[in-house]
């Protein structure tokens, strides 16, 4: 059994924050990680994280950078809970 440790660093490919609140693997096999500073999608093949943050100029971005919880529903929608509300 082998373990890997992922910590935030200045690299754009690292996780966005070490404070992790939730992790789910969706039906497509993608790994989503909610943190105290954004939502992360982990690309296991490339060993890299993609980040999603609140952008006040974009009404389609996250409503908050603090991710409280994650859930995928039966229609494969990702639900994201934040202190500012719920996002689908």
Protein backbone atom coordinates (compact mmCIF):
# COMPACT_ATOMS: atom_id res chain seq x y z
CA UNK A 1 0.00 0.00 0.00
CA UNK A 2 1.42 3.37 -1.00
CA UNK A 3 0.32 6.80 0.24
CA UNK A 4 0.89 10.21 -1.31
CA UNK A 5 0.84 13.48 0.62
CA UNK A 6 -0.43 16.63 -1.08
CA UNK A 7 0.18 20.01 0.53
CA UNK A 8 -0.37 23.56 -0.63
CA UNK A 9 2.65 25.24 -2.19
CA UNK A 10 3.22 28.19 -4.49
CA UNK A 11 2.96 25.80 -7.45
CA UNK A 12 -0.24 26.16 -9.49
CA UNK A 13 -0.51 22.38 -9.61
CA UNK A 14 -0.75 21.97 -5.81
CA UNK A 15 -3.92 21.87 -3.73
CA UNK A 16 -5.26 25.38 -3.05
CA UNK A 17 -5.27 25.04 0.77
CA UNK A 18 -4.34 22.48 3.43
CA UNK A 19 -7.65 22.98 5.29
CA UNK A 20 -9.77 20.24 3.69
CA UNK A 21 -13.48 20.06 4.52
CA UNK A 22 -14.78 17.48 2.05
CA UNK A 23 -13.71 14.98 -0.60
CA UNK A 24 -15.87 13.10 -3.09
CA UNK A 25 -15.27 10.94 -6.13
CA UNK A 26 -18.00 11.56 -8.70
CA UNK A 27 -19.56 8.95 -11.00
CA UNK A 28 -17.07 9.86 -13.72
CA UNK A 29 -14.23 8.96 -11.33
CA UNK A 30 -13.07 12.54 -10.77
CA UNK A 31 -11.83 13.51 -7.30
CA UNK A 32 -13.20 16.81 -5.91
CA UNK A 33 -11.67 18.40 -2.81
CA UNK A 34 -13.32 21.25 -0.91
CA UNK A 35 -10.96 23.46 1.10
CA UNK A 36 -10.89 26.66 3.15
CA UNK A 37 -9.71 28.40 -0.02
CA UNK A 38 -11.53 27.08 -3.05
CA UNK A 39 -12.69 23.94 -4.80
CA UNK A 40 -10.11 21.60 -6.32
CA UNK A 41 -10.42 18.97 -9.03
CA UNK A 42 -7.56 16.48 -8.89
CA UNK A 43 -6.26 15.03 -12.16
CA UNK A 44 -4.75 11.75 -11.01
CA UNK A 45 -3.03 11.02 -14.34
CA UNK A 46 -1.27 14.40 -14.43
CA UNK A 47 -0.89 14.50 -10.61
CA UNK A 48 -2.19 18.07 -10.61
CA UNK A 49 -5.01 20.10 -9.09
CA UNK A 50 -7.34 22.47 -10.96
CA UNK A 51 -8.76 25.30 -8.86
CA UNK A 52 -12.14 27.01 -8.73
CA UNK A 53 -12.51 30.24 -6.75
CA UNK A 54 -14.97 33.04 -6.13
CA UNK A 55 -14.64 35.78 -8.73
CA UNK A 56 -16.84 38.78 -7.84
CA UNK A 57 -16.85 39.86 -11.50
CA UNK A 58 -18.24 36.49 -12.67
CA UNK A 59 -21.77 35.62 -11.52
CA UNK A 60 -21.17 31.98 -12.56
CA UNK A 61 -18.18 31.49 -10.23
CA UNK A 62 -18.30 30.10 -6.68
CA UNK A 63 -20.17 32.34 -4.25
CA UNK A 64 -17.50 31.84 -1.56
CA UNK A 65 -13.99 30.39 -1.35
CA UNK A 66 -14.75 28.41 1.81
CA UNK A 67 -16.19 25.04 0.80
CA UNK A 68 -18.18 23.38 3.60
CA UNK A 69 -19.46 20.23 1.88
CA UNK A 70 -19.80 18.47 -1.47
CA UNK A 71 -22.44 16.11 -2.85
CA UNK A 72 -23.21 14.58 -6.23
CA UNK A 73 -26.92 13.88 -6.86
CA UNK A 74 -28.48 11.12 -8.96
CA UNK A 75 -28.43 13.42 -12.03
CA UNK A 76 -24.63 13.85 -11.63
CA UNK A 77 -24.95 17.48 -10.49
CA UNK A 78 -22.25 18.62 -8.09
CA UNK A 79 -23.71 20.48 -5.10
CA UNK A 80 -21.32 22.76 -3.22
CA UNK A 81 -22.12 24.05 0.25
CA UNK A 82 -20.46 27.31 1.37
CA UNK A 83 -21.08 29.81 4.20
CA UNK A 84 -22.72 32.03 1.54
CA UNK A 85 -25.19 29.40 0.35
CA UNK A 86 -25.60 26.38 -1.87
CA UNK A 87 -24.34 26.10 -5.47
CA UNK A 88 -25.26 23.57 -8.14
